[in-house]
mmCIF file of all heavy atoms, coordinates in Angstrom:
data_MODEL
# 
_entry.id   MODEL 
# 
loop_
_atom_site.group_PDB 
_atom_site.id 
_atom_site.type_symbol 
_atom_site.label_atom_id 
_atom_site.label_alt_id 
_atom_site.label_comp_id 
_atom_site.label_asym_id 
_atom_site.label_entity_id 
_atom_site.label_seq_id 
_atom_site.pdbx_PDB_ins_code 
_atom_site.Cartn_x 
_atom_site.Cartn_y 
_atom_site.Cartn_z 
_atom_site.occupancy 
_atom_site.B_iso_or_equiv 
_atom_site.pdbx_formal_charge 
_atom_site.auth_seq_id 
_atom_site.auth_comp_id 
_atom_site.auth_asym_id 
_atom_site.auth_atom_id 
_atom_site.pdbx_PDB_model_num 
ATOM 1   N N   . ILE A 1 1  ? -2.391  -5.698  6.298   1.00 0.00 ? 1  ILE A N   1 
ATOM 2   C CA  . ILE A 1 1  ? -2.058  -5.745  4.871   1.00 0.00 ? 1  ILE A CA  1 
ATOM 3   C C   . ILE A 1 1  ? -3.182  -6.398  4.075   1.00 0.00 ? 1  ILE A C   1 
ATOM 4   O O   . ILE A 1 1  ? -3.592  -5.900  3.018   1.00 0.00 ? 1  ILE A O   1 
ATOM 5   C CB  . ILE A 1 1  ? -0.718  -6.477  4.652   1.00 0.00 ? 1  ILE A CB  1 
ATOM 6   C CG1 . ILE A 1 1  ? 0.439   -5.642  5.193   1.00 0.00 ? 1  ILE A CG1 1 
ATOM 7   C CG2 . ILE A 1 1  ? -0.496  -6.773  3.173   1.00 0.00 ? 1  ILE A CG2 1 
ATOM 8   C CD1 . ILE A 1 1  ? 1.748   -6.384  5.290   1.00 0.00 ? 1  ILE A CD1 1 
ATOM 9   N N   . VAL A 1 2  ? -3.692  -7.518  4.571   1.00 0.00 ? 2  VAL A N   1 
ATOM 10  C CA  . VAL A 1 2  ? -4.797  -8.200  3.882   1.00 0.00 ? 2  VAL A CA  1 
ATOM 11  C C   . VAL A 1 2  ? -6.038  -7.312  3.849   1.00 0.00 ? 2  VAL A C   1 
ATOM 12  O O   . VAL A 1 2  ? -6.718  -7.212  2.815   1.00 0.00 ? 2  VAL A O   1 
ATOM 13  C CB  . VAL A 1 2  ? -5.093  -9.567  4.547   1.00 0.00 ? 2  VAL A CB  1 
ATOM 14  C CG1 . VAL A 1 2  ? -6.389  -10.164 4.045   1.00 0.00 ? 2  VAL A CG1 1 
ATOM 15  C CG2 . VAL A 1 2  ? -3.942  -10.531 4.315   1.00 0.00 ? 2  VAL A CG2 1 
ATOM 16  N N   . SER A 1 3  ? -6.338  -6.657  4.954   1.00 0.00 ? 3  SER A N   1 
ATOM 17  C CA  . SER A 1 3  ? -7.514  -5.782  5.016   1.00 0.00 ? 3  SER A CA  1 
ATOM 18  C C   . SER A 1 3  ? -7.412  -4.633  4.017   1.00 0.00 ? 3  SER A C   1 
ATOM 19  O O   . SER A 1 3  ? -8.378  -4.327  3.318   1.00 0.00 ? 3  SER A O   1 
ATOM 20  C CB  . SER A 1 3  ? -7.691  -5.223  6.422   1.00 0.00 ? 3  SER A CB  1 
ATOM 21  O OG  . SER A 1 3  ? -7.885  -6.258  7.345   1.00 0.00 ? 3  SER A OG  1 
ATOM 22  N N   . VAL A 1 4  ? -6.248  -4.003  3.951   1.00 0.00 ? 4  VAL A N   1 
ATOM 23  C CA  . VAL A 1 4  ? -6.062  -2.899  3.010   1.00 0.00 ? 4  VAL A CA  1 
ATOM 24  C C   . VAL A 1 4  ? -6.201  -3.396  1.574   1.00 0.00 ? 4  VAL A C   1 
ATOM 25  O O   . VAL A 1 4  ? -6.854  -2.751  0.743   1.00 0.00 ? 4  VAL A O   1 
ATOM 26  C CB  . VAL A 1 4  ? -4.695  -2.209  3.236   1.00 0.00 ? 4  VAL A CB  1 
ATOM 27  C CG1 . VAL A 1 4  ? -4.358  -1.265  2.093   1.00 0.00 ? 4  VAL A CG1 1 
ATOM 28  C CG2 . VAL A 1 4  ? -4.691  -1.462  4.545   1.00 0.00 ? 4  VAL A CG2 1 
ATOM 29  N N   . ASN A 1 5  ? -5.622  -4.560  1.268   1.00 0.00 ? 5  ASN A N   1 
ATOM 30  C CA  . ASN A 1 5  ? -5.729  -5.106  -0.084  1.00 0.00 ? 5  ASN A CA  1 
ATOM 31  C C   . ASN A 1 5  ? -7.155  -5.487  -0.432  1.00 0.00 ? 5  ASN A C   1 
ATOM 32  O O   . ASN A 1 5  ? -7.573  -5.352  -1.582  1.00 0.00 ? 5  ASN A O   1 
ATOM 33  C CB  . ASN A 1 5  ? -4.803  -6.318  -0.255  1.00 0.00 ? 5  ASN A CB  1 
ATOM 34  C CG  . ASN A 1 5  ? -3.391  -5.899  -0.542  1.00 0.00 ? 5  ASN A CG  1 
ATOM 35  O OD1 . ASN A 1 5  ? -3.116  -5.250  -1.535  1.00 0.00 ? 5  ASN A OD1 1 
ATOM 36  N ND2 . ASN A 1 5  ? -2.479  -6.259  0.346   1.00 0.00 ? 5  ASN A ND2 1 
ATOM 37  N N   . CYS A 1 6  ? -7.918  -5.977  0.533   1.00 0.00 ? 6  CYS A N   1 
ATOM 38  C CA  . CYS A 1 6  ? -9.324  -6.311  0.287   1.00 0.00 ? 6  CYS A CA  1 
ATOM 39  C C   . CYS A 1 6  ? -10.175 -5.052  0.141   1.00 0.00 ? 6  CYS A C   1 
ATOM 40  O O   . CYS A 1 6  ? -11.134 -5.027  -0.640  1.00 0.00 ? 6  CYS A O   1 
ATOM 41  C CB  . CYS A 1 6  ? -9.876  -7.179  1.423   1.00 0.00 ? 6  CYS A CB  1 
ATOM 42  S SG  . CYS A 1 6  ? -9.221  -8.846  1.437   1.00 0.00 ? 6  CYS A SG  1 
ATOM 43  N N   . PHE A 1 7  ? -9.837  -4.018  0.867   1.00 0.00 ? 7  PHE A N   1 
ATOM 44  C CA  . PHE A 1 7  ? -10.612 -2.779  0.856   1.00 0.00 ? 7  PHE A CA  1 
ATOM 45  C C   . PHE A 1 7  ? -10.448 -2.023  -0.455  1.00 0.00 ? 7  PHE A C   1 
ATOM 46  O O   . PHE A 1 7  ? -11.419 -1.603  -1.066  1.00 0.00 ? 7  PHE A O   1 
ATOM 47  C CB  . PHE A 1 7  ? -10.204 -1.901  2.047   1.00 0.00 ? 7  PHE A CB  1 
ATOM 48  C CG  . PHE A 1 7  ? -10.903 -0.584  2.097   1.00 0.00 ? 7  PHE A CG  1 
ATOM 49  C CD1 . PHE A 1 7  ? -12.262 -0.513  2.399   1.00 0.00 ? 7  PHE A CD1 1 
ATOM 50  C CD2 . PHE A 1 7  ? -10.219 0.584   1.842   1.00 0.00 ? 7  PHE A CD2 1 
ATOM 51  C CE1 . PHE A 1 7  ? -12.911 0.707   2.433   1.00 0.00 ? 7  PHE A CE1 1 
ATOM 52  C CE2 . PHE A 1 7  ? -10.858 1.809   1.877   1.00 0.00 ? 7  PHE A CE2 1 
ATOM 53  C CZ  . PHE A 1 7  ? -12.211 1.873   2.170   1.00 0.00 ? 7  PHE A CZ  1 
ATOM 54  N N   . SER A 1 8  ? -9.200  -1.837  -0.890  1.00 0.00 ? 8  SER A N   1 
ATOM 55  C CA  . SER A 1 8  ? -8.952  -1.035  -2.085  1.00 0.00 ? 8  SER A CA  1 
ATOM 56  C C   . SER A 1 8  ? -7.579  -1.347  -2.667  1.00 0.00 ? 8  SER A C   1 
ATOM 57  O O   . SER A 1 8  ? -6.562  -1.186  -1.994  1.00 0.00 ? 8  SER A O   1 
ATOM 58  C CB  . SER A 1 8  ? -9.031  0.452   -1.737  1.00 0.00 ? 8  SER A CB  1 
ATOM 59  O OG  . SER A 1 8  ? -8.570  1.237   -2.808  1.00 0.00 ? 8  SER A OG  1 
ATOM 60  N N   . VAL A 1 9  ? -7.568  -1.741  -3.935  1.00 0.00 ? 9  VAL A N   1 
ATOM 61  C CA  . VAL A 1 9  ? -6.295  -2.007  -4.616  1.00 0.00 ? 9  VAL A CA  1 
ATOM 62  C C   . VAL A 1 9  ? -5.529  -0.702  -4.806  1.00 0.00 ? 9  VAL A C   1 
ATOM 63  O O   . VAL A 1 9  ? -4.315  -0.666  -4.667  1.00 0.00 ? 9  VAL A O   1 
ATOM 64  C CB  . VAL A 1 9  ? -6.542  -2.713  -5.966  1.00 0.00 ? 9  VAL A CB  1 
ATOM 65  C CG1 . VAL A 1 9  ? -5.257  -2.848  -6.757  1.00 0.00 ? 9  VAL A CG1 1 
ATOM 66  C CG2 . VAL A 1 9  ? -7.158  -4.076  -5.747  1.00 0.00 ? 9  VAL A CG2 1 
ATOM 67  N N   . ARG A 1 10 ? -6.256  0.371   -5.083  1.00 0.00 ? 10 ARG A N   1 
ATOM 68  C CA  . ARG A 1 10 ? -5.605  1.672   -5.272  1.00 0.00 ? 10 ARG A CA  1 
ATOM 69  C C   . ARG A 1 10 ? -4.924  2.129   -3.981  1.00 0.00 ? 10 ARG A C   1 
ATOM 70  O O   . ARG A 1 10 ? -3.799  2.621   -3.987  1.00 0.00 ? 10 ARG A O   1 
ATOM 71  C CB  . ARG A 1 10 ? -6.621  2.709   -5.728  1.00 0.00 ? 10 ARG A CB  1 
ATOM 72  C CG  . ARG A 1 10 ? -5.976  4.076   -5.967  1.00 0.00 ? 10 ARG A CG  1 
ATOM 73  C CD  . ARG A 1 10 ? -6.893  4.966   -6.699  1.00 0.00 ? 10 ARG A CD  1 
ATOM 74  N NE  . ARG A 1 10 ? -6.989  4.416   -8.049  1.00 0.00 ? 10 ARG A NE  1 
ATOM 75  C CZ  . ARG A 1 10 ? -7.658  4.963   -9.042  1.00 0.00 ? 10 ARG A CZ  1 
ATOM 76  N NH1 . ARG A 1 10 ? -8.318  6.066   -8.838  1.00 0.00 ? 10 ARG A NH1 1 
ATOM 77  N NH2 . ARG A 1 10 ? -7.682  4.423   -10.228 1.00 0.00 ? 10 ARG A NH2 1 
ATOM 78  N N   . LEU A 1 11 ? -5.592  1.964   -2.840  1.00 0.00 ? 11 LEU A N   1 
ATOM 79  C CA  . LEU A 1 11 ? -5.006  2.318   -1.548  1.00 0.00 ? 11 LEU A CA  1 
ATOM 80  C C   . LEU A 1 11 ? -3.795  1.442   -1.257  1.00 0.00 ? 11 LEU A C   1 
ATOM 81  O O   . LEU A 1 11 ? -2.767  1.921   -0.771  1.00 0.00 ? 11 LEU A O   1 
ATOM 82  C CB  . LEU A 1 11 ? -6.040  2.187   -0.424  1.00 0.00 ? 11 LEU A CB  1 
ATOM 83  C CG  . LEU A 1 11 ? -5.545  2.476   0.994   1.00 0.00 ? 11 LEU A CG  1 
ATOM 84  C CD1 . LEU A 1 11 ? -5.027  3.904   1.109   1.00 0.00 ? 11 LEU A CD1 1 
ATOM 85  C CD2 . LEU A 1 11 ? -6.643  2.197   2.001   1.00 0.00 ? 11 LEU A CD2 1 
ATOM 86  N N   . ALA A 1 12 ? -3.899  0.153   -1.574  1.00 0.00 ? 12 ALA A N   1 
ATOM 87  C CA  . ALA A 1 12 ? -2.771  -0.761  -1.368  1.00 0.00 ? 12 ALA A CA  1 
ATOM 88  C C   . ALA A 1 12 ? -1.573  -0.342  -2.212  1.00 0.00 ? 12 ALA A C   1 
ATOM 89  O O   . ALA A 1 12 ? -0.431  -0.370  -1.744  1.00 0.00 ? 12 ALA A O   1 
ATOM 90  C CB  . ALA A 1 12 ? -3.192  -2.193  -1.698  1.00 0.00 ? 12 ALA A CB  1 
ATOM 91  N N   . THR A 1 13 ? -1.836  0.067   -3.452  1.00 0.00 ? 13 THR A N   1 
ATOM 92  C CA  . THR A 1 13 ? -0.750  0.535   -4.325  1.00 0.00 ? 13 THR A CA  1 
ATOM 93  C C   . THR A 1 13 ? -0.120  1.807   -3.769  1.00 0.00 ? 13 THR A C   1 
ATOM 94  O O   . THR A 1 13 ? 1.106   1.945   -3.746  1.00 0.00 ? 13 THR A O   1 
ATOM 95  C CB  . THR A 1 13 ? -1.291  0.803   -5.742  1.00 0.00 ? 13 THR A CB  1 
ATOM 96  O OG1 . THR A 1 13 ? -1.866  -0.403  -6.234  1.00 0.00 ? 13 THR A OG1 1 
ATOM 97  C CG2 . THR A 1 13 ? -0.196  1.256   -6.680  1.00 0.00 ? 13 THR A CG2 1 
ATOM 98  N N   . TYR A 1 14 ? -0.953  2.731   -3.303  1.00 0.00 ? 14 TYR A N   1 
ATOM 99  C CA  . TYR A 1 14 ? -0.452  3.966   -2.713  1.00 0.00 ? 14 TYR A CA  1 
ATOM 100 C C   . TYR A 1 14 ? 0.415   3.673   -1.486  1.00 0.00 ? 14 TYR A C   1 
ATOM 101 O O   . TYR A 1 14 ? 1.511   4.215   -1.336  1.00 0.00 ? 14 TYR A O   1 
ATOM 102 C CB  . TYR A 1 14 ? -1.616  4.882   -2.332  1.00 0.00 ? 14 TYR A CB  1 
ATOM 103 C CG  . TYR A 1 14 ? -1.187  6.082   -1.537  1.00 0.00 ? 14 TYR A CG  1 
ATOM 104 C CD1 . TYR A 1 14 ? -0.559  7.164   -2.146  1.00 0.00 ? 14 TYR A CD1 1 
ATOM 105 C CD2 . TYR A 1 14 ? -1.376  6.126   -0.151  1.00 0.00 ? 14 TYR A CD2 1 
ATOM 106 C CE1 . TYR A 1 14 ? -0.144  8.261   -1.406  1.00 0.00 ? 14 TYR A CE1 1 
ATOM 107 C CE2 . TYR A 1 14 ? -0.967  7.222   0.592   1.00 0.00 ? 14 TYR A CE2 1 
ATOM 108 C CZ  . TYR A 1 14 ? -0.355  8.279   -0.040  1.00 0.00 ? 14 TYR A CZ  1 
ATOM 109 O OH  . TYR A 1 14 ? 0.063   9.349   0.691   1.00 0.00 ? 14 TYR A OH  1 
ATOM 110 N N   . LEU A 1 15 ? -0.080  2.802   -0.601  1.00 0.00 ? 15 LEU A N   1 
ATOM 111 C CA  . LEU A 1 15 ? 0.685   2.454   0.605   1.00 0.00 ? 15 LEU A CA  1 
ATOM 112 C C   . LEU A 1 15 ? 1.989   1.745   0.251   1.00 0.00 ? 15 LEU A C   1 
ATOM 113 O O   . LEU A 1 15 ? 3.024   1.990   0.877   1.00 0.00 ? 15 LEU A O   1 
ATOM 114 C CB  . LEU A 1 15 ? -0.158  1.590   1.536   1.00 0.00 ? 15 LEU A CB  1 
ATOM 115 C CG  . LEU A 1 15 ? -1.227  2.340   2.319   1.00 0.00 ? 15 LEU A CG  1 
ATOM 116 C CD1 . LEU A 1 15 ? -2.085  1.369   3.114   1.00 0.00 ? 15 LEU A CD1 1 
ATOM 117 C CD2 . LEU A 1 15 ? -0.600  3.358   3.239   1.00 0.00 ? 15 LEU A CD2 1 
ATOM 118 N N   . GLN A 1 16 ? 1.948   0.860   -0.733  1.00 0.00 ? 16 GLN A N   1 
ATOM 119 C CA  . GLN A 1 16 ? 3.168   0.160   -1.141  1.00 0.00 ? 16 GLN A CA  1 
ATOM 120 C C   . GLN A 1 16 ? 4.198   1.158   -1.674  1.00 0.00 ? 16 GLN A C   1 
ATOM 121 O O   . GLN A 1 16 ? 5.380   1.069   -1.337  1.00 0.00 ? 16 GLN A O   1 
ATOM 122 C CB  . GLN A 1 16 ? 2.854   -0.890  -2.193  1.00 0.00 ? 16 GLN A CB  1 
ATOM 123 C CG  . GLN A 1 16 ? 4.056   -1.707  -2.593  1.00 0.00 ? 16 GLN A CG  1 
ATOM 124 C CD  . GLN A 1 16 ? 3.709   -2.837  -3.546  1.00 0.00 ? 16 GLN A CD  1 
ATOM 125 O OE1 . GLN A 1 16 ? 2.563   -2.995  -3.946  1.00 0.00 ? 16 GLN A OE1 1 
ATOM 126 N NE2 . GLN A 1 16 ? 4.691   -3.616  -3.906  1.00 0.00 ? 16 GLN A NE2 1 
ATOM 127 N N   . ASN A 1 17 ? 3.759   2.100   -2.497  1.00 0.00 ? 17 ASN A N   1 
ATOM 128 C CA  . ASN A 1 17 ? 4.678   3.122   -3.014  1.00 0.00 ? 17 ASN A CA  1 
ATOM 129 C C   . ASN A 1 17 ? 5.219   3.996   -1.884  1.00 0.00 ? 17 ASN A C   1 
ATOM 130 O O   . ASN A 1 17 ? 6.415   4.323   -1.858  1.00 0.00 ? 17 ASN A O   1 
ATOM 131 C CB  . ASN A 1 17 ? 3.986   3.983   -4.063  1.00 0.00 ? 17 ASN A CB  1 
ATOM 132 C CG  . ASN A 1 17 ? 3.722   3.217   -5.342  1.00 0.00 ? 17 ASN A CG  1 
ATOM 133 O OD1 . ASN A 1 17 ? 4.353   2.206   -5.617  1.00 0.00 ? 17 ASN A OD1 1 
ATOM 134 N ND2 . ASN A 1 17 ? 2.773   3.702   -6.123  1.00 0.00 ? 17 ASN A ND2 1 
ATOM 135 N N   . PHE A 1 18 ? 4.353   4.374   -0.942  1.00 0.00 ? 18 PHE A N   1 
ATOM 136 C CA  . PHE A 1 18 ? 4.776   5.186   0.194   1.00 0.00 ? 18 PHE A CA  1 
ATOM 137 C C   . PHE A 1 18 ? 5.828   4.456   1.027   1.00 0.00 ? 18 PHE A C   1 
ATOM 138 O O   . PHE A 1 18 ? 6.874   5.021   1.360   1.00 0.00 ? 18 PHE A O   1 
ATOM 139 C CB  . PHE A 1 18 ? 3.570   5.560   1.063   1.00 0.00 ? 18 PHE A CB  1 
ATOM 140 C CG  . PHE A 1 18 ? 3.956   6.263   2.328   1.00 0.00 ? 18 PHE A CG  1 
ATOM 141 C CD1 . PHE A 1 18 ? 4.276   7.610   2.315   1.00 0.00 ? 18 PHE A CD1 1 
ATOM 142 C CD2 . PHE A 1 18 ? 4.013   5.568   3.530   1.00 0.00 ? 18 PHE A CD2 1 
ATOM 143 C CE1 . PHE A 1 18 ? 4.650   8.264   3.482   1.00 0.00 ? 18 PHE A CE1 1 
ATOM 144 C CE2 . PHE A 1 18 ? 4.379   6.216   4.701   1.00 0.00 ? 18 PHE A CE2 1 
ATOM 145 C CZ  . PHE A 1 18 ? 4.698   7.561   4.676   1.00 0.00 ? 18 PHE A CZ  1 
ATOM 146 N N   . PHE A 1 19 ? 5.566   3.200   1.366   1.00 0.00 ? 19 PHE A N   1 
ATOM 147 C CA  . PHE A 1 19 ? 6.500   2.455   2.205   1.00 0.00 ? 19 PHE A CA  1 
ATOM 148 C C   . PHE A 1 19 ? 7.795   2.110   1.461   1.00 0.00 ? 19 PHE A C   1 
ATOM 149 O O   . PHE A 1 19 ? 8.858   2.031   2.075   1.00 0.00 ? 19 PHE A O   1 
ATOM 150 C CB  . PHE A 1 19 ? 5.848   1.201   2.782   1.00 0.00 ? 19 PHE A CB  1 
ATOM 151 C CG  . PHE A 1 19 ? 4.922   1.499   3.929   1.00 0.00 ? 19 PHE A CG  1 
ATOM 152 C CD1 . PHE A 1 19 ? 3.580   1.180   3.862   1.00 0.00 ? 19 PHE A CD1 1 
ATOM 153 C CD2 . PHE A 1 19 ? 5.392   2.126   5.072   1.00 0.00 ? 19 PHE A CD2 1 
ATOM 154 C CE1 . PHE A 1 19 ? 2.724   1.469   4.921   1.00 0.00 ? 19 PHE A CE1 1 
ATOM 155 C CE2 . PHE A 1 19 ? 4.551   2.422   6.131   1.00 0.00 ? 19 PHE A CE2 1 
ATOM 156 C CZ  . PHE A 1 19 ? 3.213   2.098   6.051   1.00 0.00 ? 19 PHE A CZ  1 
ATOM 157 N N   . THR A 1 20 ? 7.720   1.943   0.151   1.00 0.00 ? 20 THR A N   1 
ATOM 158 C CA  . THR A 1 20 ? 8.941   1.732   -0.621  1.00 0.00 ? 20 THR A CA  1 
ATOM 159 C C   . THR A 1 20 ? 9.804   2.996   -0.591  1.00 0.00 ? 20 THR A C   1 
ATOM 160 O O   . THR A 1 20 ? 11.019  2.917   -0.389  1.00 0.00 ? 20 THR A O   1 
ATOM 161 C CB  . THR A 1 20 ? 8.611   1.345   -2.079  1.00 0.00 ? 20 THR A CB  1 
ATOM 162 O OG1 . THR A 1 20 ? 7.881   0.120   -2.077  1.00 0.00 ? 20 THR A OG1 1 
ATOM 163 C CG2 . THR A 1 20 ? 9.879   1.179   -2.905  1.00 0.00 ? 20 THR A CG2 1 
ATOM 164 N N   . ALA A 1 21 ? 9.177   4.154   -0.765  1.00 0.00 ? 21 ALA A N   1 
ATOM 165 C CA  . ALA A 1 21 ? 9.924   5.414   -0.683  1.00 0.00 ? 21 ALA A CA  1 
ATOM 166 C C   . ALA A 1 21 ? 10.489  5.618   0.714   1.00 0.00 ? 21 ALA A C   1 
ATOM 167 O O   . ALA A 1 21 ? 11.650  6.043   0.870   1.00 0.00 ? 21 ALA A O   1 
ATOM 168 C CB  . ALA A 1 21 ? 9.016   6.582   -1.068  1.00 0.00 ? 21 ALA A CB  1 
ATOM 169 N N   . ALA A 1 22 ? 9.702   5.288   1.745   1.00 0.00 ? 22 ALA A N   1 
ATOM 170 C CA  . ALA A 1 22 ? 10.184  5.415   3.122   1.00 0.00 ? 22 ALA A CA  1 
ATOM 171 C C   . ALA A 1 22 ? 11.371  4.482   3.364   1.00 0.00 ? 22 ALA A C   1 
ATOM 172 O O   . ALA A 1 22 ? 12.352  4.865   4.012   1.00 0.00 ? 22 ALA A O   1 
ATOM 173 C CB  . ALA A 1 22 ? 9.058   5.111   4.108   1.00 0.00 ? 22 ALA A CB  1 
ATOM 174 N N   . LYS A 1 23 ? 11.287  3.259   2.840   1.00 0.00 ? 23 LYS A N   1 
ATOM 175 C CA  . LYS A 1 23 ? 12.385  2.306   3.009   1.00 0.00 ? 23 LYS A CA  1 
ATOM 176 C C   . LYS A 1 23 ? 13.653  2.809   2.324   1.00 0.00 ? 23 LYS A C   1 
ATOM 177 O O   . LYS A 1 23 ? 14.748  2.743   2.888   1.00 0.00 ? 23 LYS A O   1 
ATOM 178 C CB  . LYS A 1 23 ? 11.973  0.952   2.422   1.00 0.00 ? 23 LYS A CB  1 
ATOM 179 C CG  . LYS A 1 23 ? 12.954  -0.152  2.710   1.00 0.00 ? 23 LYS A CG  1 
ATOM 180 C CD  . LYS A 1 23 ? 12.630  -1.450  1.988   1.00 0.00 ? 23 LYS A CD  1 
ATOM 181 C CE  . LYS A 1 23 ? 11.192  -1.834  2.011   1.00 0.00 ? 23 LYS A CE  1 
ATOM 182 N NZ  . LYS A 1 23 ? 10.923  -3.107  1.314   1.00 0.00 ? 23 LYS A NZ  1 
ATOM 183 N N   . LEU A 1 24 ? 13.515  3.350   1.112   1.00 0.00 ? 24 LEU A N   1 
ATOM 184 C CA  . LEU A 1 24 ? 14.685  3.889   0.414   1.00 0.00 ? 24 LEU A CA  1 
ATOM 185 C C   . LEU A 1 24 ? 15.244  5.117   1.132   1.00 0.00 ? 24 LEU A C   1 
ATOM 186 O O   . LEU A 1 24 ? 16.458  5.327   1.150   1.00 0.00 ? 24 LEU A O   1 
ATOM 187 C CB  . LEU A 1 24 ? 14.332  4.219   -1.036  1.00 0.00 ? 24 LEU A CB  1 
ATOM 188 C CG  . LEU A 1 24 ? 14.132  3.003   -1.940  1.00 0.00 ? 24 LEU A CG  1 
ATOM 189 C CD1 . LEU A 1 24 ? 13.634  3.436   -3.312  1.00 0.00 ? 24 LEU A CD1 1 
ATOM 190 C CD2 . LEU A 1 24 ? 15.423  2.205   -2.072  1.00 0.00 ? 24 LEU A CD2 1 
# 
């Protein structure tokens, strides 16, 4: 999680949205 956030905020946002949809 830290690596993804350090690498790209846009990628982190995409992953967060993806995992939120998966959780729902």
